[in-house]
Amino acid sequence: LRRGREYASTSFRYFESYTVIALIYLVMTLFFSR
């Protein structure tokens, strides 16, 4: 999350950055749930 925030703060791509972070967290948690 911190790395995503760093990219967003320098590029001002907040929507894109947090979308990627959310999808990565979702993939990880669903993978381990399986």
PDB file of all heavy atoms in Angstrom:
ATOM      1  N   LEU A   1       0.826  -1.203   0.000  1.00  0.00           N
ATOM      2  CA  LEU A   1       0.000   0.000   0.000  1.00  0.00           C
ATOM      3  C   LEU A   1       0.862   1.255   0.000  1.00  0.00           C
ATOM      4  O   LEU A   1       0.557   2.237  -0.690  1.00  0.00           O
ATOM      5  CB  LEU A   1      -0.936  -0.007   1.206  1.00  0.00           C
ATOM      6  CG  LEU A   1      -1.846   1.210   1.367  1.00  0.00           C
ATOM      7  CD1 LEU A   1      -2.734   1.391   0.139  1.00  0.00           C
ATOM      8  CD2 LEU A   1      -2.701   1.084   2.623  1.00  0.00           C
ATOM      9  N   ARG A   2       1.938   1.236   0.773  1.00  0.00           N
ATOM     10  CA  ARG A   2       2.825   2.397   0.847  1.00  0.00           C
ATOM     11  C   ARG A   2       3.442   2.697  -0.522  1.00  0.00           C
ATOM     12  O   ARG A   2       3.526   3.859  -0.932  1.00  0.00           O
ATOM     13  CB  ARG A   2       3.929   2.129   1.865  1.00  0.00           C
ATOM     14  CG  ARG A   2       4.945   3.255   2.009  1.00  0.00           C
ATOM     15  CD  ARG A   2       4.407   4.370   2.866  1.00  0.00           C
ATOM     16  NE  ARG A   2       5.366   5.447   3.007  1.00  0.00           N
ATOM     17  CZ  ARG A   2       5.212   6.473   3.853  1.00  0.00           C
ATOM     18  NH1 ARG A   2       4.134   6.540   4.612  1.00  0.00           N
ATOM     19  NH2 ARG A   2       6.111   7.418   3.937  1.00  0.00           N
ATOM     20  N   ARG A   3       3.863   1.660  -1.226  1.00  0.00           N
ATOM     21  CA  ARG A   3       4.446   1.860  -2.548  1.00  0.00           C
ATOM     22  C   ARG A   3       3.397   2.424  -3.515  1.00  0.00           C
ATOM     23  O   ARG A   3       3.718   3.277  -4.355  1.00  0.00           O
ATOM     24  CB  ARG A   3       5.007   0.544  -3.079  1.00  0.00           C
ATOM     25  CG  ARG A   3       6.192   0.023  -2.299  1.00  0.00           C
ATOM     26  CD  ARG A   3       7.398   0.916  -2.440  1.00  0.00           C
ATOM     27  NE  ARG A   3       8.021   0.745  -3.748  1.00  0.00           N
ATOM     28  CZ  ARG A   3       8.927   1.578  -4.254  1.00  0.00           C
ATOM     29  NH1 ARG A   3       9.268   2.662  -3.588  1.00  0.00           N
ATOM     30  NH2 ARG A   3       9.476   1.352  -5.448  1.00  0.00           N
ATOM     31  N   GLY A   4       2.176   1.951  -3.387  1.00  0.00           N
ATOM     32  CA  GLY A   4       1.120   2.515  -4.217  1.00  0.00           C
ATOM     33  C   GLY A   4       0.869   3.975  -3.918  1.00  0.00           C
ATOM     34  O   GLY A   4       0.656   4.785  -4.839  1.00  0.00           O
ATOM     35  N   ARG A   5       0.909   4.326  -2.645  1.00  0.00           N
ATOM     36  CA  ARG A   5       0.722   5.729  -2.256  1.00  0.00           C
ATOM     37  C   ARG A   5       1.864   6.593  -2.772  1.00  0.00           C
ATOM     38  O   ARG A   5       1.652   7.738  -3.188  1.00  0.00           O
ATOM     39  CB  ARG A   5       0.629   5.834  -0.733  1.00  0.00           C
ATOM     40  CG  ARG A   5      -0.662   5.282  -0.149  1.00  0.00           C
ATOM     41  CD  ARG A   5      -0.587   5.215   1.363  1.00  0.00           C
ATOM     42  NE  ARG A   5      -0.282   6.504   1.963  1.00  0.00           N
ATOM     43  CZ  ARG A   5      -0.011   6.679   3.252  1.00  0.00           C
ATOM     44  NH1 ARG A   5       0.005   5.634   4.070  1.00  0.00           N
ATOM     45  NH2 ARG A   5       0.237   7.880   3.720  1.00  0.00           N
ATOM     46  N   GLU A   6       3.084   6.051  -2.736  1.00  0.00           N
ATOM     47  CA  GLU A   6       4.236   6.815  -3.224  1.00  0.00           C
ATOM     48  C   GLU A   6       4.113   7.111  -4.712  1.00  0.00           C
ATOM     49  O   GLU A   6       4.405   8.229  -5.165  1.00  0.00           O
ATOM     50  CB  GLU A   6       5.529   6.047  -2.932  1.00  0.00           C
ATOM     51  CG  GLU A   6       5.886   5.981  -1.463  1.00  0.00           C
ATOM     52  CD  GLU A   6       7.079   5.080  -1.198  1.00  0.00           C
ATOM     53  OE1 GLU A   6       7.572   4.447  -2.157  1.00  0.00           O
ATOM     54  OE2 GLU A   6       7.538   5.022  -0.035  1.00  0.00           O
ATOM     55  N   TYR A   7       3.690   6.112  -5.473  1.00  0.00           N
ATOM     56  CA  TYR A   7       3.522   6.333  -6.911  1.00  0.00           C
ATOM     57  C   TYR A   7       2.403   7.345  -7.162  1.00  0.00           C
ATOM     58  O   TYR A   7       2.534   8.233  -8.014  1.00  0.00           O
ATOM     59  CB  TYR A   7       3.212   5.020  -7.623  1.00  0.00           C
ATOM     60  CG  TYR A   7       3.160   5.156  -9.117  1.00  0.00           C
ATOM     61  CD1 TYR A   7       4.300   4.991  -9.883  1.00  0.00           C
ATOM     62  CD2 TYR A   7       1.956   5.472  -9.766  1.00  0.00           C
ATOM     63  CE1 TYR A   7       4.259   5.138 -11.272  1.00  0.00           C
ATOM     64  CE2 TYR A   7       1.903   5.621 -11.143  1.00  0.00           C
ATOM     65  CZ  TYR A   7       3.062   5.454 -11.890  1.00  0.00           C
ATOM     66  OH  TYR A   7       3.011   5.615 -13.252  1.00  0.00           O
ATOM     67  N   ALA A   8       1.312   7.199  -6.417  1.00  0.00           N
ATOM     68  CA  ALA A   8       0.179   8.107  -6.623  1.00  0.00           C
ATOM     69  C   ALA A   8       0.544   9.540  -6.269  1.00  0.00           C
ATOM     70  O   ALA A   8       0.122  10.489  -6.950  1.00  0.00           O
ATOM     71  CB  ALA A   8      -1.005   7.640  -5.781  1.00  0.00           C
ATOM     72  N   SER A   9       1.340   9.721  -5.214  1.00  0.00           N
ATOM     73  CA  SER A   9       1.689  11.072  -4.784  1.00  0.00           C
ATOM     74  C   SER A   9       2.635  11.775  -5.748  1.00  0.00           C
ATOM     75  O   SER A   9       2.668  13.008  -5.805  1.00  0.00           O
ATOM     76  CB  SER A   9       2.317  11.025  -3.387  1.00  0.00           C
ATOM     77  OG  SER A   9       3.530  10.283  -3.416  1.00  0.00           O
ATOM     78  N   THR A  10       3.422  11.004  -6.502  1.00  0.00           N
ATOM     79  CA  THR A  10       4.355  11.607  -7.460  1.00  0.00           C
ATOM     80  C   THR A  10       3.754  11.762  -8.852  1.00  0.00           C
ATOM     81  O   THR A  10       4.136  12.664  -9.601  1.00  0.00           O
ATOM     82  CB  THR A  10       5.635  10.755  -7.565  1.00  0.00           C
ATOM     83  OG1 THR A  10       5.294   9.410  -7.922  1.00  0.00           O
ATOM     84  CG2 THR A  10       6.379  10.751  -6.236  1.00  0.00           C
ATOM     85  N   SER A  11       2.811  10.898  -9.190  1.00  0.00           N
ATOM     86  CA  SER A  11       2.221  10.940 -10.530  1.00  0.00           C
ATOM     87  C   SER A  11       0.808  11.513 -10.542  1.00  0.00           C
ATOM     88  O   SER A  11       0.270  11.825 -11.609  1.00  0.00           O
ATOM     89  CB  SER A  11       2.178   9.533 -11.130  1.00  0.00           C
ATOM     90  OG  SER A  11       1.299   8.702 -10.375  1.00  0.00           O
ATOM     91  N   PHE A  12       0.210  11.633  -9.342  1.00  0.00           N
ATOM     92  CA  PHE A  12      -1.175  12.087  -9.189  1.00  0.00           C
ATOM     93  C   PHE A  12      -2.168  11.150  -9.880  1.00  0.00           C
ATOM     94  O   PHE A  12      -3.272  11.547 -10.237  1.00  0.00           O
ATOM     95  CB  PHE A  12      -1.356  13.523  -9.720  1.00  0.00           C
ATOM     96  CG  PHE A  12      -0.498  14.520  -9.011  1.00  0.00           C
ATOM     97  CD1 PHE A  12       0.686  14.973  -9.590  1.00  0.00           C
ATOM     98  CD2 PHE A  12      -0.855  14.977  -7.759  1.00  0.00           C
ATOM     99  CE1 PHE A  12       1.485  15.884  -8.930  1.00  0.00           C
ATOM    100  CE2 PHE A  12      -0.066  15.898  -7.088  1.00  0.00           C
ATOM    101  CZ  PHE A  12       1.113  16.345  -7.668  1.00  0.00           C
ATOM    102  N   ARG A  13      -1.768   9.893 -10.057  1.00  0.00           N
ATOM    103  CA  ARG A  13      -2.647   8.869 -10.623  1.00  0.00           C
ATOM    104  C   ARG A  13      -3.265   8.075  -9.483  1.00  0.00           C
ATOM    105  O   ARG A  13      -3.001   6.890  -9.308  1.00  0.00           O
ATOM    106  CB  ARG A  13      -1.841   7.944 -11.528  1.00  0.00           C
ATOM    107  CG  ARG A  13      -1.176   8.629 -12.693  1.00  0.00           C
ATOM    108  CD  ARG A  13      -2.117   8.708 -13.879  1.00  0.00           C
ATOM    109  NE  ARG A  13      -1.430   9.060 -15.114  1.00  0.00           N
ATOM    110  CZ  ARG A  13      -1.962   8.972 -16.312  1.00  0.00           C
ATOM    111  NH1 ARG A  13      -3.198   8.535 -16.442  1.00  0.00           N
ATOM    112  NH2 ARG A  13      -1.284   9.318 -17.389  1.00  0.00           N
ATOM    113  N   TYR A  14      -4.095   8.711  -8.699  1.00  0.00           N
ATOM    114  CA  TYR A  14      -4.648   8.065  -7.508  1.00  0.00           C
ATOM    115  C   TYR A  14      -5.606   6.941  -7.870  1.00  0.00           C
ATOM    116  O   TYR A  14      -5.558   5.858  -7.280  1.00  0.00           O
ATOM    117  CB  TYR A  14      -5.339   9.103  -6.629  1.00  0.00           C
ATOM    118  CG  TYR A  14      -4.392  10.075  -5.991  1.00  0.00           C
ATOM    119  CD1 TYR A  14      -4.161  11.336  -6.551  1.00  0.00           C
ATOM    120  CD2 TYR A  14      -3.700   9.727  -4.833  1.00  0.00           C
ATOM    121  CE1 TYR A  14      -3.277  12.226  -5.964  1.00  0.00           C
ATOM    122  CE2 TYR A  14      -2.820  10.615  -4.234  1.00  0.00           C
ATOM    123  CZ  TYR A  14      -2.605  11.869  -4.811  1.00  0.00           C
ATOM    124  OH  TYR A  14      -1.723  12.734  -4.236  1.00  0.00           O
ATOM    125  N   PHE A  15      -6.482   7.190  -8.809  1.00  0.00           N
ATOM    126  CA  PHE A  15      -7.455   6.160  -9.186  1.00  0.00           C
ATOM    127  C   PHE A  15      -6.747   4.919  -9.719  1.00  0.00           C
ATOM    128  O   PHE A  15      -7.050   3.791  -9.321  1.00  0.00           O
ATOM    129  CB  PHE A  15      -8.425   6.711 -10.244  1.00  0.00           C
ATOM    130  CG  PHE A  15      -9.388   5.682 -10.760  1.00  0.00           C
ATOM    131  CD1 PHE A  15     -10.526   5.351 -10.049  1.00  0.00           C
ATOM    132  CD2 PHE A  15      -9.144   5.030 -11.977  1.00  0.00           C
ATOM    133  CE1 PHE A  15     -11.418   4.387 -10.521  1.00  0.00           C
ATOM    134  CE2 PHE A  15     -10.020   4.070 -12.452  1.00  0.00           C
ATOM    135  CZ  PHE A  15     -11.154   3.744 -11.727  1.00  0.00           C
ATOM    136  N   GLU A  16      -5.813   5.123 -10.639  1.00  0.00           N
ATOM    137  CA  GLU A  16      -5.115   3.994 -11.241  1.00  0.00           C
ATOM    138  C   GLU A  16      -4.272   3.239 -10.213  1.00  0.00           C
ATOM    139  O   GLU A  16      -4.260   1.996 -10.197  1.00  0.00           O
ATOM    140  CB  GLU A  16      -4.237   4.479 -12.391  1.00  0.00           C
ATOM    141  CG  GLU A  16      -5.004   5.045 -13.570  1.00  0.00           C
ATOM    142  CD  GLU A  16      -5.330   6.518 -13.402  1.00  0.00           C
ATOM    143  OE1 GLU A  16      -5.138   7.030 -12.286  1.00  0.00           O
ATOM    144  OE2 GLU A  16      -5.774   7.160 -14.389  1.00  0.00           O
ATOM    145  N   SER A  17      -3.583   3.973  -9.346  1.00  0.00           N
ATOM    146  CA  SER A  17      -2.700   3.337  -8.359  1.00  0.00           C
ATOM    147  C   SER A  17      -3.484   2.485  -7.378  1.00  0.00           C
ATOM    148  O   SER A  17      -3.154   1.311  -7.142  1.00  0.00           O
ATOM    149  CB  SER A  17      -1.903   4.412  -7.603  1.00  0.00           C
ATOM    150  OG  SER A  17      -1.090   5.147  -8.486  1.00  0.00           O
ATOM    151  N   TYR A  18      -4.543   3.038  -6.824  1.00  0.00           N
ATOM    152  CA  TYR A  18      -5.301   2.292  -5.819  1.00  0.00           C
ATOM    153  C   TYR A  18      -6.141   1.181  -6.447  1.00  0.00           C
ATOM    154  O   TYR A  18      -6.473   0.198  -5.774  1.00  0.00           O
ATOM    155  CB  TYR A  18      -6.166   3.246  -5.001  1.00  0.00           C
ATOM    156  CG  TYR A  18      -5.348   4.124  -4.081  1.00  0.00           C
ATOM    157  CD1 TYR A  18      -5.417   5.505  -4.148  1.00  0.00           C
ATOM    158  CD2 TYR A  18      -4.480   3.549  -3.157  1.00  0.00           C
ATOM    159  CE1 TYR A  18      -4.651   6.308  -3.319  1.00  0.00           C
ATOM    160  CE2 TYR A  18      -3.711   4.342  -2.324  1.00  0.00           C
ATOM    161  CZ  TYR A  18      -3.796   5.723  -2.414  1.00  0.00           C
ATOM    162  OH  TYR A  18      -3.016   6.500  -1.589  1.00  0.00           O
ATOM    163  N   THR A  19      -6.467   1.317  -7.730  1.00  0.00           N
ATOM    164  CA  THR A  19      -7.151   0.221  -8.417  1.00  0.00           C
ATOM    165  C   THR A  19      -6.235  -0.993  -8.514  1.00  0.00           C
ATOM    166  O   THR A  19      -6.648  -2.124  -8.228  1.00  0.00           O
ATOM    167  CB  THR A  19      -7.593   0.651  -9.826  1.00  0.00           C
ATOM    168  OG1 THR A  19      -8.551   1.716  -9.720  1.00  0.00           O
ATOM    169  CG2 THR A  19      -8.236  -0.509 -10.569  1.00  0.00           C
ATOM    170  N   VAL A  20      -4.983  -0.768  -8.902  1.00  0.00           N
ATOM    171  CA  VAL A  20      -4.018  -1.863  -8.991  1.00  0.00           C
ATOM    172  C   VAL A  20      -3.773  -2.489  -7.622  1.00  0.00           C
ATOM    173  O   VAL A  20      -3.748  -3.717  -7.478  1.00  0.00           O
ATOM    174  CB  VAL A  20      -2.699  -1.370  -9.608  1.00  0.00           C
ATOM    175  CG1 VAL A  20      -1.614  -2.447  -9.508  1.00  0.00           C
ATOM    176  CG2 VAL A  20      -2.907  -0.976 -11.060  1.00  0.00           C
ATOM    177  N   ILE A  21      -3.597  -1.662  -6.609  1.00  0.00           N
ATOM    178  CA  ILE A  21      -3.344  -2.176  -5.257  1.00  0.00           C
ATOM    179  C   ILE A  21      -4.520  -3.016  -4.767  1.00  0.00           C
ATOM    180  O   ILE A  21      -4.341  -4.111  -4.210  1.00  0.00           O
ATOM    181  CB  ILE A  21      -3.083  -1.015  -4.276  1.00  0.00           C
ATOM    182  CG1 ILE A  21      -1.831  -0.241  -4.689  1.00  0.00           C
ATOM    183  CG2 ILE A  21      -2.948  -1.532  -2.854  1.00  0.00           C
ATOM    184  CD1 ILE A  21      -0.575  -1.073  -4.744  1.00  0.00           C
ATOM    185  N   ALA A  22      -5.733  -2.527  -4.994  1.00  0.00           N
ATOM    186  CA  ALA A  22      -6.921  -3.268  -4.556  1.00  0.00           C
ATOM    187  C   ALA A  22      -7.023  -4.613  -5.269  1.00  0.00           C
ATOM    188  O   ALA A  22      -7.344  -5.633  -4.646  1.00  0.00           O
ATOM    189  CB  ALA A  22      -8.180  -2.438  -4.811  1.00  0.00           C
ATOM    190  N   LEU A  23      -6.744  -4.640  -6.555  1.00  0.00           N
ATOM    191  CA  LEU A  23      -6.816  -5.893  -7.308  1.00  0.00           C
ATOM    192  C   LEU A  23      -5.751  -6.882  -6.845  1.00  0.00           C
ATOM    193  O   LEU A  23      -6.006  -8.088  -6.753  1.00  0.00           O
ATOM    194  CB  LEU A  23      -6.654  -5.611  -8.799  1.00  0.00           C
ATOM    195  CG  LEU A  23      -7.846  -4.928  -9.486  1.00  0.00           C
ATOM    196  CD1 LEU A  23      -7.489  -4.532 -10.912  1.00  0.00           C
ATOM    197  CD2 LEU A  23      -9.074  -5.835  -9.471  1.00  0.00           C
ATOM    198  N   ILE A  24      -4.558  -6.386  -6.531  1.00  0.00           N
ATOM    199  CA  ILE A  24      -3.498  -7.279  -6.057  1.00  0.00           C
ATOM    200  C   ILE A  24      -3.881  -7.889  -4.710  1.00  0.00           C
ATOM    201  O   ILE A  24      -3.717  -9.098  -4.487  1.00  0.00           O
ATOM    202  CB  ILE A  24      -2.157  -6.519  -5.950  1.00  0.00           C
ATOM    203  CG1 ILE A  24      -1.657  -6.134  -7.345  1.00  0.00           C
ATOM    204  CG2 ILE A  24      -1.107  -7.378  -5.237  1.00  0.00           C
ATOM    205  CD1 ILE A  24      -0.401  -5.280  -7.330  1.00  0.00           C
ATOM    206  N   TYR A  25      -4.397  -7.074  -3.799  1.00  0.00           N
ATOM    207  CA  TYR A  25      -4.842  -7.593  -2.498  1.00  0.00           C
ATOM    208  C   TYR A  25      -5.959  -8.615  -2.682  1.00  0.00           C
ATOM    209  O   TYR A  25      -5.996  -9.656  -2.011  1.00  0.00           O
ATOM    210  CB  TYR A  25      -5.325  -6.457  -1.601  1.00  0.00           C
ATOM    211  CG  TYR A  25      -4.241  -5.847  -0.751  1.00  0.00           C
ATOM    212  CD1 TYR A  25      -3.807  -4.544  -0.966  1.00  0.00           C
ATOM    213  CD2 TYR A  25      -3.639  -6.570   0.294  1.00  0.00           C
ATOM    214  CE1 TYR A  25      -2.810  -3.974  -0.194  1.00  0.00           C
ATOM    215  CE2 TYR A  25      -2.653  -6.010   1.071  1.00  0.00           C
ATOM    216  CZ  TYR A  25      -2.237  -4.708   0.828  1.00  0.00           C
ATOM    217  OH  TYR A  25      -1.241  -4.152   1.590  1.00  0.00           O
ATOM    218  N   LEU A  26      -6.881  -8.332  -3.588  1.00  0.00           N
ATOM    219  CA  LEU A  26      -7.993  -9.258  -3.820  1.00  0.00           C
ATOM    220  C   LEU A  26      -7.492 -10.597  -4.350  1.00  0.00           C
ATOM    221  O   LEU A  26      -7.923 -11.661  -3.877  1.00  0.00           O
ATOM    222  CB  LEU A  26      -8.981  -8.638  -4.806  1.00  0.00           C
ATOM    223  CG  LEU A  26     -10.208  -9.493  -5.167  1.00  0.00           C
ATOM    224  CD1 LEU A  26     -11.026  -9.817  -3.938  1.00  0.00           C
ATOM    225  CD2 LEU A  26     -11.063  -8.783  -6.212  1.00  0.00           C
ATOM    226  N   VAL A  27      -6.571 -10.564  -5.302  1.00  0.00           N
ATOM    227  CA  VAL A  27      -6.021 -11.803  -5.859  1.00  0.00           C
ATOM    228  C   VAL A  27      -5.299 -12.594  -4.775  1.00  0.00           C
ATOM    229  O   VAL A  27      -5.451 -13.817  -4.673  1.00  0.00           O
ATOM    230  CB  VAL A  27      -5.075 -11.486  -7.032  1.00  0.00           C
ATOM    231  CG1 VAL A  27      -4.277 -12.732  -7.441  1.00  0.00           C
ATOM    232  CG2 VAL A  27      -5.855 -10.967  -8.228  1.00  0.00           C
ATOM    233  N   MET A  28      -4.512 -11.918  -3.949  1.00  0.00           N
ATOM    234  CA  MET A  28      -3.765 -12.612  -2.896  1.00  0.00           C
ATOM    235  C   MET A  28      -4.688 -13.274  -1.881  1.00  0.00           C
ATOM    236  O   MET A  28      -4.517 -14.445  -1.532  1.00  0.00           O
ATOM    237  CB  MET A  28      -2.818 -11.630  -2.184  1.00  0.00           C
ATOM    238  CG  MET A  28      -1.630 -11.201  -2.993  1.00  0.00           C
ATOM    239  SD  MET A  28      -0.385 -10.359  -1.968  1.00  0.00           S
ATOM    240  CE  MET A  28      -1.351  -8.992  -1.309  1.00  0.00           C
ATOM    241  N   THR A  29      -5.651 -12.533  -1.398  1.00  0.00           N
ATOM    242  CA  THR A  29      -6.530 -13.083  -0.367  1.00  0.00           C
ATOM    243  C   THR A  29      -7.398 -14.215  -0.904  1.00  0.00           C
ATOM    244  O   THR A  29      -7.612 -15.223  -0.211  1.00  0.00           O
ATOM    245  CB  THR A  29      -7.421 -11.985   0.224  1.00  0.00           C
ATOM    246  OG1 THR A  29      -8.126 -11.314  -0.836  1.00  0.00           O
ATOM    247  CG2 THR A  29      -6.596 -10.964   0.983  1.00  0.00           C
ATOM    248  N   LEU A  30      -7.870 -14.079  -2.132  1.00  0.00           N
ATOM    249  CA  LEU A  30      -8.667 -15.160  -2.717  1.00  0.00           C
ATOM    250  C   LEU A  30      -7.812 -16.395  -2.987  1.00  0.00           C
ATOM    251  O   LEU A  30      -8.272 -17.528  -2.815  1.00  0.00           O
ATOM    252  CB  LEU A  30      -9.329 -14.689  -4.006  1.00  0.00           C
ATOM    253  CG  LEU A  30     -10.487 -13.699  -3.834  1.00  0.00           C
ATOM    254  CD1 LEU A  30     -10.973 -13.209  -5.184  1.00  0.00           C
ATOM    255  CD2 LEU A  30     -11.631 -14.319  -3.055  1.00  0.00           C
ATOM    256  N   PHE A  31      -6.568 -16.197  -3.388  1.00  0.00           N
ATOM    257  CA  PHE A  31      -5.673 -17.322  -3.624  1.00  0.00           C
ATOM    258  C   PHE A  31      -5.429 -18.103  -2.339  1.00  0.00           C
ATOM    259  O   PHE A  31      -5.533 -19.336  -2.309  1.00  0.00           O
ATOM    260  CB  PHE A  31      -4.340 -16.819  -4.189  1.00  0.00           C
ATOM    261  CG  PHE A  31      -3.284 -17.882  -4.302  1.00  0.00           C
ATOM    262  CD1 PHE A  31      -3.333 -18.820  -5.319  1.00  0.00           C
ATOM    263  CD2 PHE A  31      -2.262 -17.947  -3.371  1.00  0.00           C
ATOM    264  CE1 PHE A  31      -2.354 -19.811  -5.416  1.00  0.00           C
ATOM    265  CE2 PHE A  31      -1.283 -18.934  -3.464  1.00  0.00           C
ATOM    266  CZ  PHE A  31      -1.324 -19.860  -4.495  1.00  0.00           C
ATOM    267  N   PHE A  32      -5.139 -17.396  -1.254  1.00  0.00           N
ATOM    268  CA  PHE A  32      -4.888 -18.082   0.012  1.00  0.00           C
ATOM    269  C   PHE A  32      -6.170 -18.668   0.594  1.00  0.00           C
ATOM    270  O   PHE A  32      -6.138 -19.671   1.309  1.00  0.00           O
ATOM    271  CB  PHE A  32      -4.223 -17.130   1.014  1.00  0.00           C
ATOM    272  CG  PHE A  32      -2.775 -16.888   0.727  1.00  0.00           C
ATOM    273  CD1 PHE A  32      -2.338 -15.662   0.273  1.00  0.00           C
ATOM    274  CD2 PHE A  32      -1.841 -17.901   0.896  1.00  0.00           C
ATOM    275  CE1 PHE A  32      -1.004 -15.439  -0.015  1.00  0.00           C
ATOM    276  CE2 PHE A  32      -0.501 -17.693   0.627  1.00  0.00           C
ATOM    277  CZ  PHE A  32      -0.077 -16.454   0.162  1.00  0.00           C
ATOM    278  N   SER A  33      -7.304 -18.052   0.305  1.00  0.00           N
ATOM    279  CA  SER A  33      -8.569 -18.633   0.765  1.00  0.00           C
ATOM    280  C   SER A  33      -8.818 -19.971   0.098  1.00  0.00           C
ATOM    281  O   SER A  33      -9.353 -20.900   0.708  1.00  0.00           O
ATOM    282  CB  SER A  33      -9.732 -17.680   0.498  1.00  0.00           C
ATOM    283  OG  SER A  33     -10.051 -17.643  -0.887  1.00  0.00           O
ATOM    284  N   ARG A  34      -8.420 -20.098  -1.165  1.00  0.00           N
ATOM    285  CA  ARG A  34      -8.549 -21.382  -1.858  1.00  0.00           C
ATOM    286  C   ARG A  34      -7.634 -22.426  -1.215  1.00  0.00           C
ATOM    287  O   ARG A  34      -8.033 -23.579  -1.023  1.00  0.00           O
ATOM    288  CB  ARG A  34      -8.207 -21.205  -3.327  1.00  0.00           C
ATOM    289  CG  ARG A  34      -8.067 -22.504  -4.112  1.00  0.00           C
ATOM    290  CD  ARG A  34      -9.390 -23.244  -4.198  1.00  0.00           C
ATOM    291  NE  ARG A  34     -10.261 -22.654  -5.191  1.00  0.00           N
ATOM    292  CZ  ARG A  34     -11.438 -23.174  -5.523  1.00  0.00           C
ATOM    293  NH1 ARG A  34     -11.863 -24.269  -4.933  1.00  0.00           N
ATOM    294  NH2 ARG A  34     -12.203 -22.575  -6.426  1.00  0.00           N
TER     295      ARG A  34
END
